[in-house]
């Protein structure tokens, strides 16, 4: 077992145990498989086999499925849920240790910090040498690594080992050629999709959870390598950290996967499921607290604790947040952070794409998007909203006429919308003059500027 004392934050007198970090990595990966329904899928396949509904012979696959169906052969769902709660702070598990209430907030804080530094400075100087540019990454890495290490020891080590074996068996079985052929699937992910859809009551966003599982595993790998490489005589990269480029790539992959949405509205609308926030206001990521303050919402009124759904959305319903800045300055990421801080889902809509793709049918598609957001109590994030703040174009042809009509309808639909609303525009300069419709005045408009990073 290797331990290390990180030189990231000298004021943090903590010891990072790499094996503990790896244990949490195994439980996190299992949880992502749980979210996509992989464990239930394997159990359902075993049931179908036992009922004689799958044409498998007497070989290795049949024997393995027989053991899957036997009680006591694998960690049951109730015990898995208990460890997800104890280690990751996931709501719902019972019978385990004290929930890790800080994990989700620390996890998000770290991802946001890495993404921001990576976009501004690349891989150089991610955590070392010490500089003002990487202070947030250093602080977030220290806090997350310490938290994960503290929650990955003891019985969690045994649970992680058992779960890792269970996951390995699951992957081997779902990748079995005979099993894939029975479902007409090219890989295990298609098997999971088909069984969820046809035998377990509905589709799951397998692509999203797969991407987040793989990206999350890379993040934990980086944290464990950091612990391995900070001891005396350790060899580290030129920037003082292991695999900085891989970490940044994994973080961006995780954040991008959070935007994967419902194929029925893709790519115009992307529903983003918010992770349930189990932490109190005091442990909100700094970036989230700053964003809430910029919108005139206190942390308490922002519902940044465990509140969710319609109750959490009420404070934001009186405010329209307009995120203003050039491309690449972090507006979409800010909407992501806000959704997590308020424990809400977010429905992202690329307005420019909706208007151009569904020209002549824009109203119908916009109605579907607004109704969906209203039913879900989600934050409606209208991205690429430049068209709302520019002058209507002169009508030269049918295209201009349809485009102007679409914008006018959209303005009316926004005015009637009762849910939390966030808009993003790339336009610079004063956009306050655009808020002239009287209907818009019933809500408080907050413009949050996103300037280009210096240097």
Protein backbone atom coordinates (compact mmCIF):
# COMPACT_ATOMS: atom_id res chain seq x y z
CA UNK A 1 0.00 0.00 0.00
CA UNK A 2 1.39 3.37 -1.00
CA UNK A 3 0.63 6.62 0.72
CA UNK A 4 1.61 10.17 0.04
CA UNK A 5 1.35 13.61 1.54
CA UNK A 6 0.36 15.98 -1.27
CA UNK A 7 2.28 19.18 -1.69
CA UNK A 8 -0.80 20.70 -3.34
CA UNK A 9 -2.03 22.56 -0.30
CA UNK A 10 0.46 22.84 2.53
CA UNK A 11 -2.25 23.74 4.99
CA UNK A 12 -3.98 20.38 4.50
CA UNK A 13 -2.35 17.89 6.85
CA UNK A 14 -3.83 14.78 5.26
CA UNK A 15 -2.49 11.52 3.96
CA UNK A 16 -3.68 10.19 0.62
CA UNK A 17 -3.82 6.40 0.38
CA UNK A 18 -3.65 5.35 -3.26
CA UNK A 19 -5.29 1.96 -2.63
CA UNK A 20 -8.26 3.72 -1.03
CA UNK A 21 -8.63 5.93 -4.09
CA UNK A 22 -8.59 2.85 -6.31
CA UNK A 23 -11.27 1.23 -4.16
CA UNK A 24 -13.54 4.23 -4.66
CA UNK A 25 -12.76 4.09 -8.39
CA UNK A 26 -14.11 0.52 -8.52
CA UNK A 27 -17.28 1.49 -6.67
CA UNK A 28 -17.81 4.55 -8.87
CA UNK A 29 -17.47 2.44 -12.03
CA UNK A 30 -19.96 -0.08 -10.66
CA UNK A 31 -22.37 2.76 -9.85
CA UNK A 32 -22.27 4.01 -13.44
CA UNK A 33 -23.08 0.48 -14.61
CA UNK A 34 -25.89 0.48 -12.06
CA UNK A 35 -27.25 3.73 -13.50
CA UNK A 36 -27.43 2.26 -16.99
CA UNK A 37 -29.17 -0.83 -15.59
CA UNK A 38 -26.37 -3.29 -16.40
CA UNK A 39 -26.79 -5.39 -13.25
CA UNK A 40 -30.55 -5.66 -13.71
CA UNK A 41 -29.98 -6.53 -17.37
CA UNK A 42 -27.76 -9.48 -16.48
CA UNK A 43 -30.24 -10.66 -13.85
CA UNK A 44 -33.09 -10.39 -16.37
CA UNK A 45 -31.11 -12.37 -18.94
CA UNK A 46 -30.51 -15.05 -16.31
CA UNK A 47 -34.27 -15.15 -15.62
CA UNK A 48 -35.06 -15.49 -19.32
CA UNK A 49 -32.54 -18.32 -19.56
CA UNK A 50 -34.05 -20.08 -16.56
CA UNK A 51 -37.49 -19.79 -18.18
CA UNK A 52 -36.19 -21.43 -21.33
CA UNK A 53 -36.62 -18.29 -23.44
CA UNK A 54 -32.98 -18.04 -24.52
CA UNK A 55 -31.52 -20.77 -26.76
CA UNK A 56 -28.25 -21.42 -24.95
CA UNK A 57 -26.74 -24.88 -24.75
CA UNK A 58 -24.89 -26.54 -21.91
CA UNK A 59 -21.62 -24.66 -22.26
CA UNK A 60 -19.79 -22.07 -20.21
CA UNK A 61 -22.37 -19.32 -20.82
CA UNK A 62 -25.25 -21.47 -19.61
CA UNK A 63 -23.37 -22.48 -16.49
CA UNK A 64 -22.44 -18.87 -15.71
CA UNK A 65 -26.05 -17.67 -16.14
CA UNK A 66 -27.21 -20.47 -13.86
CA UNK A 67 -24.94 -19.19 -11.10
CA UNK A 68 -26.05 -15.58 -11.68
CA UNK A 69 -29.60 -16.63 -10.88
CA UNK A 70 -28.62 -18.36 -7.63
CA UNK A 71 -29.00 -16.29 -4.46
CA UNK A 72 -25.81 -15.59 -2.53
CA UNK A 73 -23.56 -15.80 -5.56
CA UNK A 74 -23.22 -12.03 -6.01
CA UNK A 75 -23.49 -8.84 -3.94
CA UNK A 76 -27.23 -8.02 -3.90
CA UNK A 77 -28.60 -4.70 -5.13
CA UNK A 78 -29.43 -3.55 -1.58
CA UNK A 79 -25.82 -3.97 -0.43
CA UNK A 80 -24.48 -2.26 -3.55
CA UNK A 81 -26.79 0.70 -2.95
CA UNK A 82 -25.56 0.95 0.64
CA UNK A 83 -21.96 1.25 -0.51
CA UNK A 84 -22.85 3.78 -3.20
CA UNK A 85 -24.34 5.93 -0.45
CA UNK A 86 -21.49 5.41 1.98
CA UNK A 87 -18.73 6.11 -0.56
CA UNK A 88 -20.31 8.42 -3.16
CA UNK A 89 -23.11 10.06 -1.19
CA UNK A 90 -25.78 8.66 -3.51
CA UNK A 91 -29.28 8.98 -2.10
CA UNK A 92 -31.23 5.82 -1.41
CA UNK A 93 -28.85 3.32 0.13
CA UNK A 94 -29.50 2.03 3.63
CA UNK A 95 -27.64 -0.11 6.13
CA UNK A 96 -24.12 1.09 5.34
CA UNK A 97 -21.88 3.62 7.00
CA UNK A 98 -22.38 7.37 7.21
CA UNK A 99 -23.08 8.86 3.74
CA UNK A 100 -20.23 10.73 2.09
CA UNK A 101 -22.16 13.97 1.79
CA UNK A 102 -19.27 16.00 0.40
CA UNK A 103 -18.28 13.79 -2.52
CA UNK A 104 -20.59 15.08 -5.25
CA UNK A 105 -19.80 18.70 -4.52
CA UNK A 106 -16.05 18.07 -4.37
CA UNK A 107 -16.20 15.99 -7.54
CA UNK A 108 -17.97 18.74 -9.48
CA UNK A 109 -15.67 21.42 -8.09
CA UNK A 110 -12.63 19.48 -9.28
CA UNK A 111 -14.03 18.85 -12.77
CA UNK A 112 -14.94 22.50 -13.22
CA UNK A 113 -11.52 23.67 -12.01
CA UNK A 114 -9.62 21.30 -14.32
CA UNK A 115 -11.80 22.20 -17.28
CA UNK A 116 -11.27 25.92 -16.76
CA UNK A 117 -7.50 25.66 -16.44
CA UNK A 118 -7.27 23.21 -19.32
CA UNK A 119 -9.20 25.50 -21.64
CA UNK A 120 -7.09 28.52 -20.72
CA UNK A 121 -3.61 27.04 -20.33
CA UNK A 122 -3.64 23.50 -21.69
CA UNK A 123 -1.74 20.75 -19.86
CA UNK A 124 1.20 22.87 -18.77
CA UNK A 125 1.20 23.77 -15.08
CA UNK A 126 -1.99 21.97 -14.16
CA UNK A 127 -0.92 21.62 -10.52
CA UNK A 128 2.77 22.55 -10.54
CA UNK A 129 4.69 24.74 -10.30
CA UNK A 130 2.59 26.70 -7.85
CA UNK A 131 0.89 29.57 -9.64
CA UNK A 132 -2.21 31.70 -9.37
CA UNK A 133 -3.57 30.03 -12.50
CA UNK A 134 -3.72 26.57 -10.93
CA UNK A 135 -4.68 27.47 -7.36
CA UNK A 136 -8.26 26.26 -7.85
CA UNK A 137 -7.16 22.93 -9.34
CA UNK A 138 -4.68 22.40 -6.52
CA UNK A 139 -7.25 23.13 -3.84
CA UNK A 140 -9.95 21.03 -5.51
CA UNK A 141 -7.57 18.09 -6.10
CA UNK A 142 -6.45 18.14 -2.47
CA UNK A 143 -9.99 18.24 -1.13
CA UNK A 144 -11.29 15.52 -3.45
CA UNK A 145 -8.30 13.22 -2.95
CA UNK A 146 -8.52 13.58 0.83
CA UNK A 147 -12.25 12.88 0.82
CA UNK A 148 -11.95 9.84 -1.44
CA UNK A 149 -9.02 8.44 0.53
CA UNK A 150 -10.91 8.84 3.80
CA UNK A 151 -13.90 6.93 2.44
CA UNK A 152 -12.07 4.15 0.60
CA UNK A 153 -10.58 2.18 3.49
CA UNK A 154 -11.75 -0.59 5.80
CA UNK A 155 -14.75 -2.58 4.66
CA UNK A 156 -14.93 -0.51 1.47
CA UNK A 157 -11.74 -2.26 0.31
CA UNK A 158 -13.47 -5.63 0.52
CA UNK A 159 -16.63 -4.31 -1.12
CA UNK A 160 -14.62 -2.77 -3.95
CA UNK A 161 -12.79 -6.05 -4.55
CA UNK A 162 -16.04 -8.02 -4.66
CA UNK A 163 -17.70 -5.44 -6.91
CA UNK A 164 -14.71 -5.43 -9.26
CA UNK A 165 -15.01 -9.21 -9.66
CA UNK A 166 -18.75 -8.88 -10.20
CA UNK A 167 -18.23 -6.18 -12.83
CA UNK A 168 -15.59 -8.29 -14.56
CA UNK A 169 -18.00 -11.22 -14.75
CA UNK A 170 -20.80 -8.96 -15.99
CA UNK A 171 -18.64 -7.58 -18.78
CA UNK A 172 -17.44 -11.02 -19.82
CA UNK A 173 -20.97 -12.44 -19.95
CA UNK A 174 -22.57 -9.52 -21.76
CA UNK A 175 -19.72 -9.57 -24.27
CA UNK A 176 -20.13 -13.30 -24.89
CA UNK A 177 -20.55 -13.93 -28.61
CA UNK A 178 -23.44 -16.39 -28.15
CA UNK A 179 -25.31 -14.00 -25.86
CA UNK A 180 -24.80 -11.03 -28.20
CA UNK A 181 -26.02 -13.12 -31.13
CA UNK A 182 -29.21 -13.99 -29.23
CA UNK A 183 -30.05 -10.29 -29.04
CA UNK A 184 -28.63 -9.33 -32.44
CA UNK A 185 -26.19 -6.97 -30.71
CA UNK A 186 -22.69 -5.94 -31.82
CA UNK A 187 -21.42 -5.32 -28.28
CA UNK A 188 -22.45 -5.48 -24.64
CA UNK A 189 -23.73 -1.89 -24.69
CA UNK A 190 -26.31 -2.79 -27.33
CA UNK A 191 -27.33 -5.79 -25.22
CA UNK A 192 -27.93 -3.47 -22.26
CA UNK A 193 -29.92 -1.06 -24.43
CA UNK A 194 -32.13 -3.81 -25.89
CA UNK A 195 -32.88 -5.55 -22.61
CA UNK A 196 -33.69 -2.25 -20.91
CA UNK A 197 -36.00 -1.28 -23.74
CA UNK A 198 -37.74 -4.62 -24.28
CA UNK A 199 -37.69 -6.32 -20.88
CA UNK A 200 -37.18 -3.73 -18.14
CA UNK A 201 -39.69 -1.04 -18.92
CA UNK A 202 -37.77 1.54 -20.94
CA UNK A 203 -34.52 2.76 -22.39
CA UNK A 204 -31.62 4.11 -20.35
CA UNK A 205 -29.02 6.57 -21.59
CA UNK A 206 -26.34 3.89 -21.90
CA UNK A 207 -24.00 6.05 -23.99
CA UNK A 208 -23.94 8.75 -21.35
CA UNK A 209 -23.24 6.46 -18.39
CA UNK A 210 -20.66 4.50 -20.35
CA UNK A 211 -18.78 7.69 -21.19
CA UNK A 212 -18.99 8.94 -17.62
CA UNK A 213 -17.87 5.57 -16.26
CA UNK A 214 -14.79 5.51 -18.45
CA UNK A 215 -13.98 9.19 -17.91
CA UNK A 216 -14.56 8.95 -14.17
CA UNK A 217 -12.22 5.99 -13.97
CA UNK A 218 -9.50 8.12 -15.60
CA UNK A 219 -10.05 10.86 -13.01
CA UNK A 220 -9.65 8.42 -10.14
CA UNK A 221 -6.62 6.92 -11.87
CA UNK A 222 -5.07 10.39 -11.91
CA UNK A 223 -5.80 10.93 -8.23
CA UNK A 224 -4.33 7.53 -7.31
CA UNK A 225 -1.26 8.18 -9.45
CA UNK A 226 -0.87 11.53 -7.72
CA UNK A 227 -0.72 9.74 -4.38
CA UNK A 228 1.75 7.21 -5.79
CA UNK A 229 3.99 9.92 -7.18
CA UNK A 230 4.24 12.43 -4.36
CA UNK A 231 6.38 10.34 -2.05
CA UNK A 232 10.16 10.71 -1.70
CA UNK A 233 12.04 9.96 -4.92
CA UNK A 234 8.86 9.72 -7.00
CA UNK A 235 9.03 10.39 -10.71
CA UNK A 236 6.40 12.79 -12.03
CA UNK A 237 5.72 14.59 -15.27
CA UNK A 238 7.23 17.89 -16.25
CA UNK A 239 4.26 19.74 -14.80
CA UNK A 240 4.56 17.92 -11.48
CA UNK A 241 1.50 15.69 -12.01
CA UNK A 242 0.85 12.35 -13.69
CA UNK A 243 -1.00 12.25 -17.02
CA UNK A 244 -2.27 15.83 -17.05
CA UNK A 245 -3.34 15.56 -20.70
CA UNK A 246 -5.34 12.40 -20.02
CA UNK A 247 -6.99 14.02 -17.01
CA UNK A 248 -8.12 17.06 -18.99
CA UNK A 249 -9.43 14.84 -21.78
CA UNK A 250 -11.34 12.70 -19.28
CA UNK A 251 -12.86 15.75 -17.59
CA UNK A 252 -14.06 17.17 -20.89
CA UNK A 253 -15.45 13.75 -21.84
CA UNK A 254 -17.36 13.54 -18.56
CA UNK A 255 -18.83 17.02 -18.97
CA UNK A 256 -19.71 16.40 -22.61
CA UNK A 257 -21.42 13.14 -21.68
CA UNK A 258 -23.59 15.03 -19.21
CA UNK A 259 -25.16 16.74 -22.23
CA UNK A 260 -26.10 13.52 -24.04
CA UNK A 261 -29.84 13.54 -24.34
CA UNK A 262 -33.05 12.04 -25.60
CA UNK A 263 -32.77 10.96 -29.25
CA UNK A 264 -36.32 12.22 -29.86
CA UNK A 265 -35.15 15.82 -29.45
CA UNK A 266 -31.52 15.40 -30.42
CA UNK A 267 -29.60 17.38 -31.31
CA UNK A 268 -31.80 20.42 -30.72
CA UNK A 269 -32.63 19.69 -27.09
CA UNK A 270 -30.32 17.86 -24.73
CA UNK A 271 -31.69 16.84 -21.32
CA UNK A 272 -28.98 16.82 -18.68
CA UNK A 273 -29.78 14.87 -15.53
CA UNK A 274 -28.54 16.66 -12.45
CA UNK A 275 -26.70 14.67 -9.83
CA UNK A 276 -28.60 14.86 -6.56
CA UNK A 277 -26.79 17.30 -4.29
CA UNK A 278 -26.58 15.86 -0.80
CA UNK A 279 -24.32 18.54 0.64
CA UNK A 280 -25.19 21.62 2.63
CA UNK A 281 -24.66 25.17 1.42
CA UNK A 282 -21.27 25.42 3.11
CA UNK A 283 -19.70 22.90 0.73
CA UNK A 284 -21.08 24.24 -2.53
CA UNK A 285 -18.40 24.63 -5.20
CA UNK A 286 -17.06 28.18 -5.18
CA UNK A 287 -17.99 28.67 -8.83
CA UNK A 288 -21.59 27.70 -8.04
CA UNK A 289 -21.78 30.10 -5.11
CA UNK A 290 -20.40 32.90 -7.29
CA UNK A 291 -22.94 32.18 -10.01
CA UNK A 292 -25.84 32.16 -7.57
CA UNK A 293 -24.63 35.46 -6.14
CA UNK A 294 -24.39 36.98 -9.63
CA UNK A 295 -28.00 36.02 -10.20
CA UNK A 296 -29.05 37.71 -6.96
CA UNK A 297 -29.84 34.40 -5.29
CA UNK A 298 -28.51 33.61 -1.85
CA UNK A 299 -27.22 30.11 -1.26
CA UNK A 300 -30.09 29.46 1.12
CA UNK A 301 -32.78 30.67 -1.29
CA UNK A 302 -31.08 28.94 -4.17
CA UNK A 303 -32.06 25.59 -2.84
CA UNK A 304 -28.50 24.39 -2.95
CA UNK A 305 -29.03 21.68 -0.41
CA UNK A 306 -30.92 18.44 -0.93
CA UNK A 307 -34.00 20.09 -2.37
CA UNK A 308 -34.98 18.99 -5.84
CA UNK A 309 -37.72 19.27 -8.41
CA UNK A 310 -40.28 22.04 -8.30
CA UNK A 311 -39.33 23.26 -4.82
CA UNK A 312 -35.71 23.80 -5.84
CA UNK A 313 -36.72 25.62 -9.02
CA UNK A 314 -38.92 28.24 -7.33
CA UNK A 315 -36.20 30.82 -6.49
CA UNK A 316 -34.93 30.83 -10.07
CA UNK A 317 -38.40 31.10 -11.62
CA UNK A 318 -38.46 34.84 -10.89
CA UNK A 319 -35.07 35.35 -12.55
CA UNK A 320 -33.94 35.01 -16.16
CA UNK A 321 -30.20 34.42 -16.31
CA UNK A 322 -28.50 35.74 -19.43
CA UNK A 323 -24.95 34.41 -19.79
CA UNK A 324 -23.09 36.76 -22.14
CA UNK A 325 -19.67 36.13 -23.62
CA UNK A 326 -17.69 34.86 -26.57
CA UNK A 327 -17.47 31.19 -27.47
CA UNK A 328 -15.26 29.15 -25.22
CA UNK A 329 -15.59 31.36 -22.15
CA UNK A 330 -17.54 28.81 -20.09
CA UNK A 331 -21.23 29.72 -20.50
CA UNK A 332 -22.43 26.17 -21.11
CA UNK A 333 -20.30 24.90 -18.26
CA UNK A 334 -21.81 27.58 -16.01
CA UNK A 335 -25.34 26.39 -16.84
CA UNK A 336 -24.17 22.89 -15.96
CA UNK A 337 -22.80 24.10 -12.61
CA UNK A 338 -25.98 26.05 -11.84
CA UNK A 339 -28.12 22.97 -12.47
CA UNK A 340 -26.00 20.93 -10.08
CA UNK A 341 -26.04 23.67 -7.45
CA UNK A 342 -29.85 23.77 -7.54
CA UNK A 343 -30.21 19.97 -7.87
CA UNK A 344 -32.27 20.38 -11.04
CA UNK A 345 -32.32 18.77 -14.44
CA UNK A 346 -31.51 21.02 -17.37
CA UNK A 347 -32.88 20.91 -20.89
CA UNK A 348 -30.42 22.47 -23.33
CA UNK A 349 -31.77 23.86 -26.60
CA UNK A 350 -29.60 25.13 -29.43
CA UNK A 351 -31.91 27.90 -30.67
CA UNK A 352 -29.93 28.59 -33.82
CA UNK A 353 -30.18 24.95 -34.80
CA UNK A 354 -33.88 24.67 -34.01
CA UNK A 355 -34.76 27.68 -36.14
CA UNK A 356 -32.59 26.65 -39.08
CA UNK A 357 -33.34 22.92 -39.02
CA UNK A 358 -37.09 23.13 -38.51
CA UNK A 359 -37.77 26.23 -40.55
CA UNK A 360 -41.52 26.40 -41.12
CA UNK A 361 -42.13 23.94 -38.27
CA UNK A 362 -40.29 25.82 -35.54
CA UNK A 363 -43.37 26.60 -33.45
CA UNK A 364 -44.32 22.94 -33.16
CA UNK A 365 -40.85 21.89 -32.03
CA UNK A 366 -40.49 24.79 -29.62
CA UNK A 367 -43.82 23.92 -28.02
CA UNK A 368 -42.65 20.34 -27.48
CA UNK A 369 -39.43 21.56 -25.85
CA UNK A 370 -41.12 24.11 -23.57
CA UNK A 371 -43.81 21.63 -22.52
CA UNK A 372 -41.20 19.03 -21.71
CA UNK A 373 -39.23 21.48 -19.57
CA UNK A 374 -42.39 22.60 -17.76
CA UNK A 375 -43.45 19.02 -17.01
CA UNK A 376 -40.00 18.11 -15.72
CA UNK A 377 -39.54 21.27 -13.64
CA UNK A 378 -36.15 21.59 -15.29
CA UNK A 379 -33.97 24.56 -16.05
CA UNK A 380 -34.56 25.50 -19.68
CA UNK A 381 -31.20 26.48 -21.15
CA UNK A 382 -31.59 28.35 -24.43
CA UNK A 383 -28.11 28.27 -25.92
CA UNK A 384 -26.97 30.22 -29.00
CA UNK A 385 -29.71 32.79 -28.30
CA UNK A 386 -28.12 35.60 -30.35
CA UNK A 387 -31.15 35.77 -32.63
CA UNK A 388 -33.28 37.05 -29.74
CA UNK A 389 -31.13 40.15 -29.27
CA UNK A 390 -30.52 41.20 -32.86
CA UNK A 391 -32.65 43.14 -35.28
CA UNK A 392 -35.24 41.27 -37.31
CA UNK A 393 -33.95 40.75 -40.84
CA UNK A 394 -35.55 42.41 -43.85
CA UNK A 395 -37.98 40.08 -45.54
CA UNK A 396 -36.43 39.19 -48.88
CA UNK A 397 -37.77 35.67 -49.29
CA UNK A 398 -39.74 32.91 -47.57
CA UNK A 399 -36.72 31.97 -45.48
CA UNK A 400 -36.57 35.44 -43.90
CA UNK A 401 -40.29 35.45 -43.30
CA UNK A 402 -40.22 32.07 -41.53
CA UNK A 403 -37.16 33.07 -39.49
CA UNK A 404 -38.74 36.32 -38.28
CA UNK A 405 -41.98 34.53 -37.45
CA UNK A 406 -40.04 31.91 -35.49
CA UNK A 407 -38.23 34.55 -33.45
CA UNK A 408 -41.47 36.44 -32.71
CA UNK A 409 -43.15 33.21 -31.61
CA UNK A 410 -40.17 32.33 -29.46
CA UNK A 411 -40.30 35.71 -27.70
CA UNK A 412 -43.97 35.13 -26.92
CA UNK A 413 -43.32 31.59 -25.72
CA UNK A 414 -40.51 32.75 -23.43
CA UNK A 415 -42.78 35.41 -21.96
CA UNK A 416 -45.37 32.73 -21.07
CA UNK A 417 -42.85 30.27 -19.66
CA UNK A 418 -43.16 29.85 -15.89
CA UNK A 419 -40.10 27.72 -15.18
CA UNK A 420 -36.43 28.54 -14.50
CA UNK A 421 -34.79 29.99 -17.61
CA UNK A 422 -31.16 30.47 -18.63
CA UNK A 423 -30.09 32.02 -21.95
CA UNK A 424 -26.62 32.25 -23.48
CA UNK A 425 -25.49 34.69 -26.15
CA UNK A 426 -22.17 35.29 -27.88
CA UNK A 427 -23.05 38.93 -28.57
CA UNK A 428 -20.98 41.62 -26.94
CA UNK A 429 -22.06 45.05 -25.80
CA UNK A 430 -25.21 46.24 -24.10
CA UNK A 431 -28.13 43.83 -24.53
CA UNK A 432 -30.42 45.44 -21.94
CA UNK A 433 -32.31 47.26 -24.70
CA UNK A 434 -33.49 43.89 -25.97
CA UNK A 435 -35.67 43.42 -22.89
CA UNK A 436 -38.39 45.71 -24.20
CA UNK A 437 -41.43 43.41 -24.40
CA UNK A 438 -43.62 44.30 -21.45
CA UNK A 439 -44.31 40.62 -20.77
CA UNK A 440 -40.60 40.08 -20.13
CA UNK A 441 -40.56 42.75 -17.44
CA UNK A 442 -42.47 40.57 -14.98
CA UNK A 443 -39.25 38.64 -14.35
CA UNK A 444 -35.91 39.96 -13.15
CA UNK A 445 -33.20 39.80 -15.81
CA UNK A 446 -29.65 39.19 -14.65
CA UNK A 447 -26.82 39.55 -17.16
CA UNK A 448 -23.73 37.55 -16.18
CA UNK A 449 -20.70 38.53 -18.30
CA UNK A 450 -18.14 35.91 -19.29
CA UNK A 451 -15.00 37.78 -20.41
CA UNK A 452 -12.21 36.12 -22.32
CA UNK A 453 -9.40 34.90 -20.07
CA UNK A 454 -6.33 37.14 -19.96
CA UNK A 455 -3.06 36.08 -21.44
